[in-house]
Amino acid sequence: MDCDKAIYRVYGYLDGELTVWRRWSIRRHLGKCPPCAQGFDFEVELRQVISSKCRDDMPPELKQRIADALGLSVPPDDASSV
C-alpha cells in the first residue's frame, strides 16, 4: 500500500469500516512509514480530544424521541442513558 491509499483509507480504518485485509495492510504500511504513522497518531489523538471535550447534554425528551424513532423501548426515567 502506498501513502496516498493509506491516507485515503485511514478514516475508514479508524471508523472500523474496513475489511480485515485492508486493516492489516494499513497497519503494515504505518509500521514502515513514519510520516503516515505520525499522521495516524495525530488523527487518533484528535478524535480522543473531540470525544472528551465536545459533549452536549440533550434534554431527556429528545433522547426519548430518538429512542422511539429507533424502536427502542426506554422507560422515561432511563431516557438520560440512551
C-alpha atoms as a PDB file:
ATOM      1  CA  MET A   1       0.000   0.000   0.000  1.00  0.00           C
ATOM      2  CA  ASP A   2       1.313   3.459  -0.830  1.00  0.00           C
ATOM      3  CA  CYS A   3       0.920   6.635   1.248  1.00  0.00           C
ATOM      4  CA  ASP A   4      -1.950   8.033  -0.832  1.00  0.00           C
ATOM      5  CA  LYS A   5      -4.050   4.896  -0.344  1.00  0.00           C
ATOM      6  CA  ALA A   6      -3.184   4.730   3.356  1.00  0.00           C
ATOM      7  CA  ILE A   7      -4.228   8.347   3.907  1.00  0.00           C
ATOM      8  CA  TYR A   8      -7.409   7.821   1.900  1.00  0.00           C
ATOM      9  CA  ARG A   9      -8.370   4.766   3.954  1.00  0.00           C
ATOM     10  CA  VAL A  10      -7.235   5.850   7.407  1.00  0.00           C
ATOM     11  CA  TYR A  11     -10.648   7.297   8.299  1.00  0.00           C
ATOM     12  CA  GLY A  12     -12.365   4.053   7.324  1.00  0.00           C
ATOM     13  CA  TYR A  13      -9.788   2.269   9.448  1.00  0.00           C
ATOM     14  CA  LEU A  14     -10.499   4.492  12.447  1.00  0.00           C
ATOM     15  CA  ASP A  15     -14.248   4.045  11.973  1.00  0.00           C
ATOM     16  CA  GLY A  16     -13.923   0.253  11.809  1.00  0.00           C
ATOM     17  CA  GLU A  17     -15.341   0.137   8.283  1.00  0.00           C
ATOM     18  CA  LEU A  18     -12.582  -1.816   6.531  1.00  0.00           C
ATOM     19  CA  THR A  19     -12.098  -5.487   5.897  1.00  0.00           C
ATOM     20  CA  VAL A  20      -9.578  -7.424   7.951  1.00  0.00           C
ATOM     21  CA  TRP A  21      -7.229  -7.484   4.953  1.00  0.00           C
ATOM     22  CA  ARG A  22      -7.335  -3.699   4.447  1.00  0.00           C
ATOM     23  CA  ARG A  23      -6.861  -3.091   8.178  1.00  0.00           C
ATOM     24  CA  TRP A  24      -3.808  -5.358   8.134  1.00  0.00           C
ATOM     25  CA  SER A  25      -2.484  -3.609   5.037  1.00  0.00           C
ATOM     26  CA  ILE A  26      -2.789  -0.184   6.660  1.00  0.00           C
ATOM     27  CA  ARG A  27      -1.174  -1.377   9.909  1.00  0.00           C
ATOM     28  CA  ARG A  28       1.676  -2.811   7.887  1.00  0.00           C
ATOM     29  CA  HIS A  29       2.139   0.446   5.984  1.00  0.00           C
ATOM     30  CA  LEU A  30       2.024   2.508   9.191  1.00  0.00           C
ATOM     31  CA  GLY A  31       4.688   0.278  10.694  1.00  0.00           C
ATOM     32  CA  LYS A  32       7.012   1.020   7.778  1.00  0.00           C
ATOM     33  CA  CYS A  33       6.188   4.680   7.110  1.00  0.00           C
ATOM     34  CA  PRO A  34       6.921   7.119   9.962  1.00  0.00           C
ATOM     35  CA  PRO A  35       5.239  10.132   8.276  1.00  0.00           C
ATOM     36  CA  CYS A  36       1.977   8.225   7.796  1.00  0.00           C
ATOM     37  CA  ALA A  37       2.212   6.754  11.302  1.00  0.00           C
ATOM     38  CA  GLN A  38       2.663  10.263  12.708  1.00  0.00           C
ATOM     39  CA  GLY A  39      -0.398  11.478  10.794  1.00  0.00           C
ATOM     40  CA  PHE A  40      -2.376   8.469  12.017  1.00  0.00           C
ATOM     41  CA  ASP A  41      -1.356   9.145  15.632  1.00  0.00           C
ATOM     42  CA  PHE A  42      -2.487  12.756  15.206  1.00  0.00           C
ATOM     43  CA  GLU A  43      -5.908  11.649  13.929  1.00  0.00           C
ATOM     44  CA  VAL A  44      -6.321   9.225  16.843  1.00  0.00           C
ATOM     45  CA  GLU A  45      -5.417  11.934  19.352  1.00  0.00           C
ATOM     46  CA  LEU A  46      -7.695  14.463  17.637  1.00  0.00           C
ATOM     47  CA  ARG A  47     -10.633  12.059  17.856  1.00  0.00           C
ATOM     48  CA  GLN A  48      -9.935  11.482  21.543  1.00  0.00           C
ATOM     49  CA  VAL A  49      -9.864  15.216  22.260  1.00  0.00           C
ATOM     50  CA  ILE A  50     -13.053  15.817  20.312  1.00  0.00           C
ATOM     51  CA  SER A  51     -14.756  12.920  22.038  1.00  0.00           C
ATOM     52  CA  SER A  52     -13.808  14.097  25.511  1.00  0.00           C
ATOM     53  CA  LYS A  53     -14.334  17.849  25.006  1.00  0.00           C
ATOM     54  CA  CYS A  54     -17.248  18.126  22.612  1.00  0.00           C
ATOM     55  CA  ARG A  55     -20.198  16.805  24.505  1.00  0.00           C
ATOM     56  CA  ASP A  56     -23.555  18.473  24.623  1.00  0.00           C
ATOM     57  CA  ASP A  57     -26.286  17.472  27.000  1.00  0.00           C
ATOM     58  CA  MET A  58     -29.557  16.597  25.354  1.00  0.00           C
ATOM     59  CA  PRO A  59     -32.883  17.112  27.013  1.00  0.00           C
ATOM     60  CA  PRO A  60     -34.416  13.815  28.176  1.00  0.00           C
ATOM     61  CA  GLU A  61     -37.403  14.425  25.875  1.00  0.00           C
ATOM     62  CA  LEU A  62     -35.133  14.496  22.825  1.00  0.00           C
ATOM     63  CA  LYS A  63     -33.379  11.313  23.908  1.00  0.00           C
ATOM     64  CA  GLN A  64     -36.749   9.635  24.298  1.00  0.00           C
ATOM     65  CA  ARG A  65     -37.872  10.797  20.825  1.00  0.00           C
ATOM     66  CA  ILE A  66     -34.680   9.378  19.314  1.00  0.00           C
ATOM     67  CA  ALA A  67     -35.154   6.082  21.163  1.00  0.00           C
ATOM     68  CA  ASP A  68     -38.756   5.952  19.943  1.00  0.00           C
ATOM     69  CA  ALA A  69     -37.679   6.636  16.353  1.00  0.00           C
ATOM     70  CA  LEU A  70     -35.137   3.806  16.587  1.00  0.00           C
ATOM     71  CA  GLY A  71     -37.734   1.460  18.019  1.00  0.00           C
ATOM     72  CA  LEU A  72     -36.058   1.193  21.396  1.00  0.00           C
ATOM     73  CA  SER A  73     -38.261   0.826  24.437  1.00  0.00           C
ATOM     74  CA  VAL A  74     -36.734   3.010  27.102  1.00  0.00           C
ATOM     75  CA  PRO A  75     -38.628   3.792  30.296  1.00  0.00           C
ATOM     76  CA  PRO A  76     -38.953   7.575  30.762  1.00  0.00           C
ATOM     77  CA  ASP A  77     -36.685   7.583  33.823  1.00  0.00           C
ATOM     78  CA  ASP A  78     -33.923   5.856  31.757  1.00  0.00           C
ATOM     79  CA  ALA A  79     -34.145   8.280  28.845  1.00  0.00           C
ATOM     80  CA  SER A  80     -30.996  10.028  30.025  1.00  0.00           C
ATOM     81  CA  SER A  81     -28.949   6.882  29.353  1.00  0.00           C
ATOM     82  CA  VAL A  82     -29.980   6.454  25.701  1.00  0.00           C
END
